Amino acid sequence: MRLRTIFADRVFALRIEKPSYPGAPDDALSQTLAFWQDTDALEEFFLANHDFLCSGYFEKYKLFEAAPEENALYAALLVRRQALAFQELLRQHNDSGSLDELFRFLSNAQYDYQELDLSKAKNDSLPPRWLRLYAIRLAQNCYLITGGAVKLTLEMKDHENTRRALAVIHKTRDWLKENGIFDDDALHEAGLF
């Protein structure tokens, strides 16, 4: 496993061994942000997931009565706008040392910090609230980002996109545990950068 430092000593990202296309970003955060800002790729995603898009999980956006192509473009533009705001939000929380306020427990049933917590970040201030970053909490205000997704269902298990993100975060946490890496100090000592 290889990592990239995003914000020194606070935010790291999993390196992608086989980027999805030549010249694609090679870390989980950059690749996620690039996808969220690629209108063509987002349109394809929303066309392929039109039933999920119109399911009403996000009640405010249940008004998709236009043609699928129009819905896909509209959704892509919403995601692009939210992606830029999300990127700035991540930067602000890093700069203020408040990443624990942005990243929450992955499970809504968890209330106490534990070793290598699975976490999610979302931008609640700008609808639609489809975008998620997934990370492992290494220490207070210190995270390893494993990926991201456009979340169109209530449960992660209900969509292929979020199921993949869930598999990656679990596989990464298991690898860290197997290799005795339980905090940011051990991560640095392991020489994964």
Protein backbone atom coordinates (compact mmCIF):
# COMPACT_ATOMS: atom_id res chain seq x y z
CA MET A 1 0.00 0.00 0.00
CA ARG A 2 1.26 3.46 -0.89
CA LEU A 3 -0.04 6.81 0.35
CA ARG A 4 0.12 10.44 -0.65
CA THR A 5 0.22 13.35 1.78
CA ILE A 6 -2.57 15.81 1.00
CA PHE A 7 -2.25 18.16 3.98
CA ALA A 8 0.93 17.66 6.01
CA ASP A 9 0.44 15.50 9.09
CA ARG A 10 -3.36 15.61 8.87
CA VAL A 11 -4.80 14.26 5.63
CA PHE A 12 -3.42 11.40 3.57
CA ALA A 13 -4.88 9.55 0.59
CA LEU A 14 -4.60 6.00 -0.62
CA ARG A 15 -2.61 5.77 -3.86
CA ILE A 16 -4.39 4.14 -6.77
CA GLU A 17 -2.19 1.43 -8.29
CA LYS A 18 -3.98 1.40 -11.63
CA PRO A 19 -5.54 4.79 -12.40
CA SER A 20 -8.75 4.51 -14.42
CA TYR A 21 -7.29 6.19 -17.52
CA PRO A 22 -3.88 7.47 -18.73
CA GLY A 23 -3.03 10.67 -16.90
CA ALA A 24 -5.71 10.11 -14.26
CA PRO A 25 -4.93 11.22 -10.71
CA ASP A 26 -3.22 8.45 -8.76
CA ASP A 27 -4.64 9.00 -5.29
CA ALA A 28 -8.12 8.41 -3.91
CA LEU A 29 -8.90 12.05 -3.08
CA SER A 30 -7.68 13.56 -6.35
CA GLN A 31 -9.40 10.85 -8.39
CA THR A 32 -12.69 11.40 -6.53
CA LEU A 33 -12.51 15.18 -6.95
CA ALA A 34 -11.65 14.81 -10.65
CA PHE A 35 -14.69 12.58 -11.20
CA TRP A 36 -16.96 15.00 -9.32
CA GLN A 37 -15.82 17.80 -11.65
CA ASP A 38 -16.03 15.87 -14.93
CA THR A 39 -19.40 16.81 -16.43
CA ASP A 40 -19.28 14.13 -19.14
CA ALA A 41 -18.43 11.33 -16.70
CA LEU A 42 -21.10 12.55 -14.26
CA GLU A 43 -23.73 12.68 -17.00
CA GLU A 44 -22.90 9.07 -17.92
CA PHE A 45 -23.09 8.09 -14.26
CA PHE A 46 -26.48 9.74 -13.76
CA LEU A 47 -27.88 8.31 -16.99
CA ALA A 48 -26.82 4.82 -15.89
CA ASN A 49 -28.30 5.48 -12.44
CA HIS A 50 -31.40 7.40 -13.47
CA ASP A 51 -33.75 5.19 -11.45
CA PHE A 52 -31.73 5.87 -8.29
CA LEU A 53 -31.58 9.57 -9.12
CA CYS A 54 -35.37 9.78 -9.38
CA SER A 55 -36.14 7.48 -6.45
CA GLY A 56 -36.76 10.35 -4.06
CA TYR A 57 -34.15 9.36 -1.47
CA PHE A 58 -33.20 13.02 -1.49
CA GLU A 59 -36.74 14.37 -1.20
CA LYS A 60 -36.05 17.89 -2.53
CA TYR A 61 -34.79 16.47 -5.79
CA LYS A 62 -37.76 14.23 -6.42
CA LEU A 63 -38.87 16.69 -9.10
CA PHE A 64 -37.03 14.98 -11.94
CA GLU A 65 -39.85 14.80 -14.47
CA ALA A 66 -37.74 15.82 -17.44
CA ALA A 67 -36.08 13.48 -19.93
CA PRO A 68 -33.26 11.33 -18.46
CA GLU A 69 -30.64 13.27 -20.44
CA GLU A 70 -31.83 16.58 -18.96
CA ASN A 71 -31.89 15.10 -15.47
CA ALA A 72 -28.38 13.72 -15.90
CA LEU A 73 -27.00 17.09 -17.01
CA TYR A 74 -28.81 18.93 -14.20
CA ALA A 75 -27.52 16.45 -11.60
CA ALA A 76 -23.98 16.66 -13.04
CA LEU A 77 -24.01 20.45 -12.74
CA LEU A 78 -25.27 20.22 -9.14
CA VAL A 79 -22.46 17.80 -8.28
CA ARG A 80 -19.81 20.00 -9.90
CA ARG A 81 -21.00 22.96 -7.84
CA GLN A 82 -21.03 20.91 -4.65
CA ALA A 83 -17.61 19.37 -5.40
CA LEU A 84 -15.94 22.78 -5.51
CA ALA A 85 -17.59 23.76 -2.23
CA PHE A 86 -16.64 20.40 -0.68
CA GLN A 87 -12.99 20.84 -1.66
CA GLU A 88 -12.93 24.27 -0.04
CA LEU A 89 -14.68 22.91 3.07
CA LEU A 90 -12.00 20.21 3.43
CA ARG A 91 -9.28 22.85 3.13
CA GLN A 92 -10.97 25.11 5.72
CA HIS A 93 -11.38 22.29 8.25
CA ASN A 94 -7.76 21.28 7.76
CA ASP A 95 -6.52 24.86 8.19
CA SER A 96 -8.55 25.34 11.37
CA GLY A 97 -7.61 21.94 12.81
CA SER A 98 -11.25 20.85 12.90
CA LEU A 99 -11.30 17.81 10.63
CA ASP A 100 -13.11 15.84 13.36
CA GLU A 101 -16.06 18.19 12.81
CA LEU A 102 -16.17 17.42 9.08
CA PHE A 103 -15.57 13.67 9.27
CA ARG A 104 -18.17 11.68 11.18
CA PHE A 105 -18.47 8.03 12.10
CA LEU A 106 -19.36 5.92 9.08
CA SER A 107 -22.00 4.13 11.12
CA ASN A 108 -24.74 6.41 12.41
CA ALA A 109 -24.99 4.06 15.41
CA GLN A 110 -21.42 4.77 16.61
CA TYR A 111 -20.84 7.50 19.20
CA ASP A 112 -17.37 6.92 20.67
CA TYR A 113 -13.97 7.07 19.01
CA GLN A 114 -12.15 3.77 18.61
CA GLU A 115 -8.96 2.66 16.94
CA LEU A 116 -8.97 3.19 13.15
CA ASP A 117 -12.55 4.44 12.97
CA LEU A 118 -14.29 4.28 9.62
CA SER A 119 -15.44 7.78 8.75
CA LYS A 120 -17.37 9.78 6.19
CA ALA A 121 -17.43 13.44 5.27
CA LYS A 122 -20.26 15.25 3.55
CA ASN A 123 -21.19 18.84 2.90
CA ASP A 124 -24.45 19.45 4.72
CA SER A 125 -24.57 23.13 3.85
CA LEU A 126 -25.05 22.80 0.10
CA PRO A 127 -27.75 20.54 -1.37
CA PRO A 128 -27.97 18.02 -2.81
CA ARG A 129 -26.04 16.09 -0.21
CA TRP A 130 -24.90 13.31 -2.56
CA LEU A 131 -21.14 13.57 -2.18
CA ARG A 132 -19.18 11.55 0.34
CA LEU A 133 -15.52 11.12 1.18
CA TYR A 134 -14.62 7.94 3.05
CA ALA A 135 -11.64 7.82 5.38
CA ILE A 136 -10.04 6.07 8.33
CA ARG A 137 -9.43 8.19 11.41
CA LEU A 138 -5.82 7.68 12.50
CA ALA A 139 -5.74 10.21 15.34
CA GLN A 140 -7.49 13.39 16.39
CA ASN A 141 -8.00 15.49 13.23
CA CYS A 142 -5.93 13.05 11.16
CA TYR A 143 -7.45 10.97 8.34
CA LEU A 144 -6.51 8.56 5.57
CA ILE A 145 -8.91 9.05 2.66
CA THR A 146 -9.74 5.78 0.90
CA GLY A 147 -12.21 7.08 -1.67
CA GLY A 148 -15.44 8.87 -2.33
CA ALA A 149 -18.79 8.41 -3.95
CA VAL A 150 -21.96 9.97 -5.22
CA LYS A 151 -24.38 8.47 -2.71
CA LEU A 152 -27.88 8.01 -4.13
CA THR A 153 -29.29 5.50 -1.62
CA LEU A 154 -29.91 5.50 2.11
CA GLU A 155 -27.73 2.46 2.78
CA MET A 156 -24.28 2.03 1.24
CA LYS A 157 -25.03 -1.63 0.54
CA ASP A 158 -27.87 -0.65 -1.81
CA HIS A 159 -25.72 0.72 -4.65
CA GLU A 160 -22.68 -0.65 -6.45
CA ASN A 161 -20.82 2.68 -6.21
CA THR A 162 -20.98 2.89 -2.42
CA ARG A 163 -20.53 -0.87 -1.95
CA ARG A 164 -17.16 -0.56 -3.72
CA ALA A 165 -16.17 2.36 -1.47
CA LEU A 166 -17.19 0.32 1.57
CA ALA A 167 -15.10 -2.64 0.43
CA VAL A 168 -12.02 -0.43 -0.05
CA ILE A 169 -12.28 1.23 3.36
CA HIS A 170 -12.67 -2.15 5.10
CA LYS A 171 -9.80 -3.71 3.13
CA THR A 172 -7.56 -0.74 3.96
CA ARG A 173 -8.38 -0.84 7.67
CA ASP A 174 -7.76 -4.60 7.74
CA TRP A 175 -4.37 -4.09 6.07
CA LEU A 176 -3.42 -1.38 8.57
CA LYS A 177 -4.35 -3.65 11.48
CA GLU A 178 -2.49 -6.64 10.03
CA ASN A 179 0.62 -4.49 9.69
CA GLY A 180 0.42 -3.00 13.18
CA ILE A 181 -0.46 0.50 12.01
CA PHE A 182 -2.94 2.00 14.48
CA ASP A 183 -2.12 5.71 14.39
CA ASP A 184 -0.42 8.43 12.37
CA ASP A 185 3.00 7.85 13.98
CA ALA A 186 3.00 4.18 12.94
CA LEU A 187 1.87 5.24 9.47
CA HIS A 188 4.95 7.46 9.08
CA GLU A 189 7.27 4.81 10.53
CA ALA A 190 5.97 2.24 8.02
CA GLY A 191 7.41 4.27 5.11
CA LEU A 192 4.30 4.13 2.94
CA PHE A 193 4.87 7.52 1.29
